[in-house]
Amino acid sequence: MEPLLFRNPVRRTWPSPLSMLLLMLSGAGLVSTEHEHEQEQEQEQEQEQEQEQEQEQEQEYWWAWVSGPSPLVEGEVAVLRVAGGGVVASRVQRAGTVSARAIGLLGRPGLERDEGLWIEPGGSIHTWGMAFPIDVMFLDAGLRVLRVVRALRPWRVLKAPRGTRAVVELAASASEGVTVGDLLVLDETAI
């Protein structure tokens, strides 16, 4: 009995060399059939759906992180102190809106020693166009100090360390008693 795979049973002729080649390649998995192509498309669609779901979850996480409760209300003034220690700044104001964060300290002639700007959500900062040096503290969500940069001169850029939630900009040398790892406290009732 002849194998029916290689012979056309209707015409009772042998297939052409091209159709033989395609038949052999499809058997080896080098040429895909329509069914295989449909399966590949289904797998690609499933992967795309999974990626979309992951992106949505990341966005939800990001917005929950960004819009989480802030210890300071926009425009409100508070006292910033080291937990169990002294006062860092007695007049800290929050820049919480996009425009307030974008403007920051630009256009100001300087900061008094007890003044500060709380930027939340915070990240990398710059001092382009500023007329005075500042101290910068990067804080995590628990108000723990991740990095302190003292006397940052104008026209500089600082990259935020991983985990930064807020940035505090102070007058130069105002952060002298603060070190990395210190826990800070915002006290609105002391004013």
C-alpha atoms as a PDB file:
ATOM      1  CA  MET A   1       0.000   0.000   0.000  1.00  0.00           C
ATOM      2  CA  GLU A   2       1.325   3.444  -0.940  1.00  0.00           C
ATOM      3  CA  PRO A   3       1.537   6.173   1.706  1.00  0.00           C
ATOM      4  CA  LEU A   4      -1.246   8.720   1.119  1.00  0.00           C
ATOM      5  CA  LEU A   5       0.799  11.555   2.550  1.00  0.00           C
ATOM      6  CA  PHE A   6       2.908  11.875  -0.536  1.00  0.00           C
ATOM      7  CA  ARG A   7       0.324  11.021  -3.173  1.00  0.00           C
ATOM      8  CA  ASN A   8      -2.768  12.954  -4.239  1.00  0.00           C
ATOM      9  CA  PRO A   9      -5.559  10.356  -3.890  1.00  0.00           C
ATOM     10  CA  VAL A  10      -7.976  12.279  -6.114  1.00  0.00           C
ATOM     11  CA  ARG A  11      -5.737  12.650  -9.140  1.00  0.00           C
ATOM     12  CA  ARG A  12      -3.598   9.627  -8.421  1.00  0.00           C
ATOM     13  CA  THR A  13      -0.472  11.659  -9.184  1.00  0.00           C
ATOM     14  CA  TRP A  14       2.573  12.432  -7.187  1.00  0.00           C
ATOM     15  CA  PRO A  15       2.839  15.958  -5.778  1.00  0.00           C
ATOM     16  CA  SER A  16       5.142  18.554  -7.265  1.00  0.00           C
ATOM     17  CA  PRO A  17       8.616  19.005  -5.768  1.00  0.00           C
ATOM     18  CA  LEU A  18       7.541  22.354  -4.266  1.00  0.00           C
ATOM     19  CA  SER A  19       4.527  20.872  -2.513  1.00  0.00           C
ATOM     20  CA  MET A  20       6.745  18.007  -1.281  1.00  0.00           C
ATOM     21  CA  LEU A  21       9.181  20.557   0.164  1.00  0.00           C
ATOM     22  CA  LEU A  22       6.382  22.483   1.877  1.00  0.00           C
ATOM     23  CA  LEU A  23       4.953  19.266   3.256  1.00  0.00           C
ATOM     24  CA  MET A  24       8.321  18.237   4.672  1.00  0.00           C
ATOM     25  CA  LEU A  25       8.984  21.681   6.147  1.00  0.00           C
ATOM     26  CA  SER A  26       5.567  21.821   7.793  1.00  0.00           C
ATOM     27  CA  GLY A  27       6.229  18.421   9.333  1.00  0.00           C
ATOM     28  CA  ALA A  28       9.544  19.726  10.687  1.00  0.00           C
ATOM     29  CA  GLY A  29       7.813  22.815  12.113  1.00  0.00           C
ATOM     30  CA  LEU A  30       9.519  25.237   9.732  1.00  0.00           C
ATOM     31  CA  VAL A  31       6.352  26.205   7.873  1.00  0.00           C
ATOM     32  CA  SER A  32       3.282  26.972   9.927  1.00  0.00           C
ATOM     33  CA  THR A  33      -0.191  25.867   9.036  1.00  0.00           C
ATOM     34  CA  GLU A  34      -3.305  28.001   9.474  1.00  0.00           C
ATOM     35  CA  HIS A  35      -4.115  26.280  12.750  1.00  0.00           C
ATOM     36  CA  GLU A  36      -0.615  26.972  14.096  1.00  0.00           C
ATOM     37  CA  HIS A  37      -0.864  30.562  12.889  1.00  0.00           C
ATOM     38  CA  GLU A  38      -4.186  30.984  14.736  1.00  0.00           C
ATOM     39  CA  GLN A  39      -2.652  29.540  17.896  1.00  0.00           C
ATOM     40  CA  GLU A  40       0.289  31.952  17.632  1.00  0.00           C
ATOM     41  CA  GLN A  41      -2.103  34.881  17.217  1.00  0.00           C
ATOM     42  CA  GLU A  42      -4.101  33.773  20.257  1.00  0.00           C
ATOM     43  CA  GLN A  43      -0.904  33.515  22.308  1.00  0.00           C
ATOM     44  CA  GLU A  44       0.192  36.982  21.160  1.00  0.00           C
ATOM     45  CA  GLN A  45      -3.219  38.419  22.100  1.00  0.00           C
ATOM     46  CA  GLU A  46      -3.015  36.779  25.527  1.00  0.00           C
ATOM     47  CA  GLN A  47       0.466  38.222  26.050  1.00  0.00           C
ATOM     48  CA  GLU A  48      -0.727  41.682  24.997  1.00  0.00           C
ATOM     49  CA  GLN A  49      -3.667  41.443  27.413  1.00  0.00           C
ATOM     50  CA  GLU A  50      -1.317  40.393  30.230  1.00  0.00           C
ATOM     51  CA  GLN A  51       1.009  43.316  29.427  1.00  0.00           C
ATOM     52  CA  GLU A  52      -1.947  45.732  29.419  1.00  0.00           C
ATOM     53  CA  GLN A  53      -3.108  44.391  32.782  1.00  0.00           C
ATOM     54  CA  GLU A  54       0.415  44.781  34.199  1.00  0.00           C
ATOM     55  CA  GLN A  55       0.595  48.354  32.908  1.00  0.00           C
ATOM     56  CA  GLU A  56      -2.789  49.164  34.450  1.00  0.00           C
ATOM     57  CA  GLN A  57      -1.636  47.711  37.774  1.00  0.00           C
ATOM     58  CA  GLU A  58       1.577  49.757  37.605  1.00  0.00           C
ATOM     59  CA  GLN A  59      -0.427  52.925  36.884  1.00  0.00           C
ATOM     60  CA  GLU A  60      -2.785  52.192  39.777  1.00  0.00           C
ATOM     61  CA  TYR A  61       0.203  51.636  42.054  1.00  0.00           C
ATOM     62  CA  TRP A  62       1.871  54.828  40.819  1.00  0.00           C
ATOM     63  CA  TRP A  63      -1.245  56.959  41.349  1.00  0.00           C
ATOM     64  CA  ALA A  64      -1.816  55.462  44.768  1.00  0.00           C
ATOM     65  CA  TRP A  65       1.807  56.236  45.635  1.00  0.00           C
ATOM     66  CA  VAL A  66       1.735  59.763  44.214  1.00  0.00           C
ATOM     67  CA  SER A  67      -1.652  60.747  45.545  1.00  0.00           C
ATOM     68  CA  GLY A  68      -1.160  59.121  48.930  1.00  0.00           C
ATOM     69  CA  PRO A  69      -1.700  61.144  52.074  1.00  0.00           C
ATOM     70  CA  SER A  70       0.720  64.022  52.440  1.00  0.00           C
ATOM     71  CA  PRO A  71       1.803  65.192  55.854  1.00  0.00           C
ATOM     72  CA  LEU A  72       1.404  68.809  54.732  1.00  0.00           C
ATOM     73  CA  VAL A  73      -1.451  70.573  52.928  1.00  0.00           C
ATOM     74  CA  GLU A  74      -0.744  72.910  49.991  1.00  0.00           C
ATOM     75  CA  GLY A  75       0.187  76.392  51.220  1.00  0.00           C
ATOM     76  CA  GLU A  76       0.170  75.359  54.875  1.00  0.00           C
ATOM     77  CA  VAL A  77       3.224  76.203  56.955  1.00  0.00           C
ATOM     78  CA  ALA A  78       4.766  73.716  59.383  1.00  0.00           C
ATOM     79  CA  VAL A  79       7.808  73.136  61.550  1.00  0.00           C
ATOM     80  CA  LEU A  80      10.268  70.501  60.343  1.00  0.00           C
ATOM     81  CA  ARG A  81      12.292  68.816  63.045  1.00  0.00           C
ATOM     82  CA  VAL A  82      14.455  65.757  63.505  1.00  0.00           C
ATOM     83  CA  ALA A  83      12.647  63.110  65.557  1.00  0.00           C
ATOM     84  CA  GLY A  84      13.982  63.467  69.088  1.00  0.00           C
ATOM     85  CA  GLY A  85      16.148  66.390  68.025  1.00  0.00           C
ATOM     86  CA  GLY A  86      16.137  70.038  67.107  1.00  0.00           C
ATOM     87  CA  VAL A  87      14.234  72.147  64.620  1.00  0.00           C
ATOM     88  CA  VAL A  88      15.535  72.096  61.040  1.00  0.00           C
ATOM     89  CA  ALA A  89      13.183  74.789  59.701  1.00  0.00           C
ATOM     90  CA  SER A  90      10.301  76.553  61.415  1.00  0.00           C
ATOM     91  CA  ARG A  91       8.535  77.773  58.244  1.00  0.00           C
ATOM     92  CA  VAL A  92       8.208  74.934  55.722  1.00  0.00           C
ATOM     93  CA  GLN A  93       5.673  75.402  52.942  1.00  0.00           C
ATOM     94  CA  ARG A  94       4.374  72.644  50.637  1.00  0.00           C
ATOM     95  CA  ALA A  95       4.602  72.783  46.848  1.00  0.00           C
ATOM     96  CA  GLY A  96       2.104  70.097  45.902  1.00  0.00           C
ATOM     97  CA  THR A  97       0.654  71.282  42.600  1.00  0.00           C
ATOM     98  CA  VAL A  98       2.432  70.819  39.305  1.00  0.00           C
ATOM     99  CA  SER A  99       2.891  74.574  38.846  1.00  0.00           C
ATOM    100  CA  ALA A 100       4.135  75.089  42.421  1.00  0.00           C
ATOM    101  CA  ARG A 101       6.665  72.268  41.995  1.00  0.00           C
ATOM    102  CA  ALA A 102       7.773  73.618  38.616  1.00  0.00           C
ATOM    103  CA  ILE A 103       8.350  77.131  39.963  1.00  0.00           C
ATOM    104  CA  GLY A 104       9.792  76.024  43.298  1.00  0.00           C
ATOM    105  CA  LEU A 105      12.186  78.671  44.585  1.00  0.00           C
ATOM    106  CA  LEU A 106      12.729  80.356  41.200  1.00  0.00           C
ATOM    107  CA  GLY A 107      12.409  84.120  41.276  1.00  0.00           C
ATOM    108  CA  ARG A 108      13.108  84.398  44.983  1.00  0.00           C
ATOM    109  CA  PRO A 109      16.103  86.448  46.110  1.00  0.00           C
ATOM    110  CA  GLY A 110      16.904  83.926  48.841  1.00  0.00           C
ATOM    111  CA  LEU A 111      15.645  81.891  51.784  1.00  0.00           C
ATOM    112  CA  GLU A 112      15.752  82.828  55.431  1.00  0.00           C
ATOM    113  CA  ARG A 113      17.564  80.310  57.618  1.00  0.00           C
ATOM    114  CA  ASP A 114      14.264  79.003  59.042  1.00  0.00           C
ATOM    115  CA  GLU A 115      12.426  78.730  55.673  1.00  0.00           C
ATOM    116  CA  GLY A 116      11.993  75.658  53.520  1.00  0.00           C
ATOM    117  CA  LEU A 117      10.032  74.245  50.607  1.00  0.00           C
ATOM    118  CA  TRP A 118       8.441  70.765  50.819  1.00  0.00           C
ATOM    119  CA  ILE A 119       8.098  69.238  47.318  1.00  0.00           C
ATOM    120  CA  GLU A 120       5.801  66.238  47.142  1.00  0.00           C
ATOM    121  CA  PRO A 121       5.736  64.092  45.150  1.00  0.00           C
ATOM    122  CA  GLY A 122       9.421  64.758  44.747  1.00  0.00           C
ATOM    123  CA  GLY A 123      12.180  63.440  42.577  1.00  0.00           C
ATOM    124  CA  SER A 124      15.237  64.813  40.875  1.00  0.00           C
ATOM    125  CA  ILE A 125      15.661  68.564  41.186  1.00  0.00           C
ATOM    126  CA  HIS A 126      17.604  71.373  39.517  1.00  0.00           C
ATOM    127  CA  THR A 127      18.792  74.827  40.508  1.00  0.00           C
ATOM    128  CA  TRP A 128      18.800  76.350  37.029  1.00  0.00           C
ATOM    129  CA  GLY A 129      18.068  80.049  37.187  1.00  0.00           C
ATOM    130  CA  MET A 130      18.340  80.272  40.965  1.00  0.00           C
ATOM    131  CA  ALA A 131      20.344  83.078  42.559  1.00  0.00           C
ATOM    132  CA  PHE A 132      21.459  81.357  45.771  1.00  0.00           C
ATOM    133  CA  PRO A 133      22.728  77.970  47.044  1.00  0.00           C
ATOM    134  CA  ILE A 134      20.387  75.625  48.912  1.00  0.00           C
ATOM    135  CA  ASP A 135      20.483  72.512  51.063  1.00  0.00           C
ATOM    136  CA  VAL A 136      18.468  69.586  49.710  1.00  0.00           C
ATOM    137  CA  MET A 137      17.099  66.567  51.576  1.00  0.00           C
ATOM    138  CA  PHE A 138      15.534  63.579  49.821  1.00  0.00           C
ATOM    139  CA  LEU A 139      12.969  61.701  51.956  1.00  0.00           C
ATOM    140  CA  ASP A 140      11.174  58.378  51.616  1.00  0.00           C
ATOM    141  CA  ALA A 141       7.471  57.770  52.336  1.00  0.00           C
ATOM    142  CA  GLY A 142       8.184  57.416  56.052  1.00  0.00           C
ATOM    143  CA  LEU A 143      10.022  60.788  56.158  1.00  0.00           C
ATOM    144  CA  ARG A 144      13.390  59.095  56.616  1.00  0.00           C
ATOM    145  CA  VAL A 145      16.315  60.992  55.080  1.00  0.00           C
ATOM    146  CA  LEU A 146      17.757  59.170  52.057  1.00  0.00           C
ATOM    147  CA  ARG A 147      20.297  61.801  51.010  1.00  0.00           C
ATOM    148  CA  VAL A 148      21.444  65.256  52.118  1.00  0.00           C
ATOM    149  CA  VAL A 149      23.223  67.694  49.811  1.00  0.00           C
ATOM    150  CA  ARG A 150      24.528  70.857  51.414  1.00  0.00           C
ATOM    151  CA  ALA A 151      25.127  74.215  49.701  1.00  0.00           C
ATOM    152  CA  LEU A 152      24.037  73.105  46.222  1.00  0.00           C
ATOM    153  CA  ARG A 153      25.053  75.951  43.936  1.00  0.00           C
ATOM    154  CA  PRO A 154      22.865  77.381  41.153  1.00  0.00           C
ATOM    155  CA  TRP A 155      22.813  75.719  37.713  1.00  0.00           C
ATOM    156  CA  ARG A 156      23.145  72.179  39.066  1.00  0.00           C
ATOM    157  CA  VAL A 157      21.033  69.004  38.728  1.00  0.00           C
ATOM    158  CA  LEU A 158      20.528  66.365  41.431  1.00  0.00           C
ATOM    159  CA  LYS A 159      19.252  62.868  40.750  1.00  0.00           C
ATOM    160  CA  ALA A 160      16.910  61.542  43.416  1.00  0.00           C
ATOM    161  CA  PRO A 161      17.877  58.305  45.135  1.00  0.00           C
ATOM    162  CA  ARG A 162      15.617  55.291  44.698  1.00  0.00           C
ATOM    163  CA  GLY A 163      12.581  55.429  46.968  1.00  0.00           C
ATOM    164  CA  THR A 164      12.331  59.222  47.132  1.00  0.00           C
ATOM    165  CA  ARG A 165       8.834  60.429  48.002  1.00  0.00           C
ATOM    166  CA  ALA A 166       9.495  64.061  48.964  1.00  0.00           C
ATOM    167  CA  VAL A 167      12.236  66.655  48.651  1.00  0.00           C
ATOM    168  CA  VAL A 168      12.903  69.464  51.104  1.00  0.00           C
ATOM    169  CA  GLU A 169      14.776  72.546  49.918  1.00  0.00           C
ATOM    170  CA  LEU A 170      16.269  74.678  52.685  1.00  0.00           C
ATOM    171  CA  ALA A 171      18.532  77.681  53.039  1.00  0.00           C
ATOM    172  CA  ALA A 172      22.213  76.822  52.705  1.00  0.00           C
ATOM    173  CA  SER A 173      23.629  75.296  55.913  1.00  0.00           C
ATOM    174  CA  ALA A 174      20.155  74.889  57.450  1.00  0.00           C
ATOM    175  CA  SER A 175      20.459  71.098  57.397  1.00  0.00           C
ATOM    176  CA  GLU A 176      23.677  70.936  59.432  1.00  0.00           C
ATOM    177  CA  GLY A 177      22.333  68.603  62.128  1.00  0.00           C
ATOM    178  CA  VAL A 178      20.627  66.194  59.703  1.00  0.00           C
ATOM    179  CA  THR A 179      22.261  62.965  58.508  1.00  0.00           C
ATOM    180  CA  VAL A 180      21.199  60.128  56.231  1.00  0.00           C
ATOM    181  CA  GLY A 181      18.836  57.798  58.084  1.00  0.00           C
ATOM    182  CA  ASP A 182      17.376  60.458  60.391  1.00  0.00           C
ATOM    183  CA  LEU A 183      13.620  60.440  60.806  1.00  0.00           C
ATOM    184  CA  LEU A 184      11.959  63.834  60.294  1.00  0.00           C
ATOM    185  CA  VAL A 185       8.692  65.092  61.792  1.00  0.00           C
ATOM    186  CA  LEU A 186       6.383  67.788  60.440  1.00  0.00           C
ATOM    187  CA  ASP A 187       4.633  69.625  63.232  1.00  0.00           C
ATOM    188  CA  GLU A 188       1.794  71.892  62.095  1.00  0.00           C
ATOM    189  CA  THR A 189       0.574  72.573  65.634  1.00  0.00           C
ATOM    190  CA  ALA A 190       3.756  74.311  66.762  1.00  0.00           C
ATOM    191  CA  ILE A 191       3.022  77.429  64.715  1.00  0.00           C
END
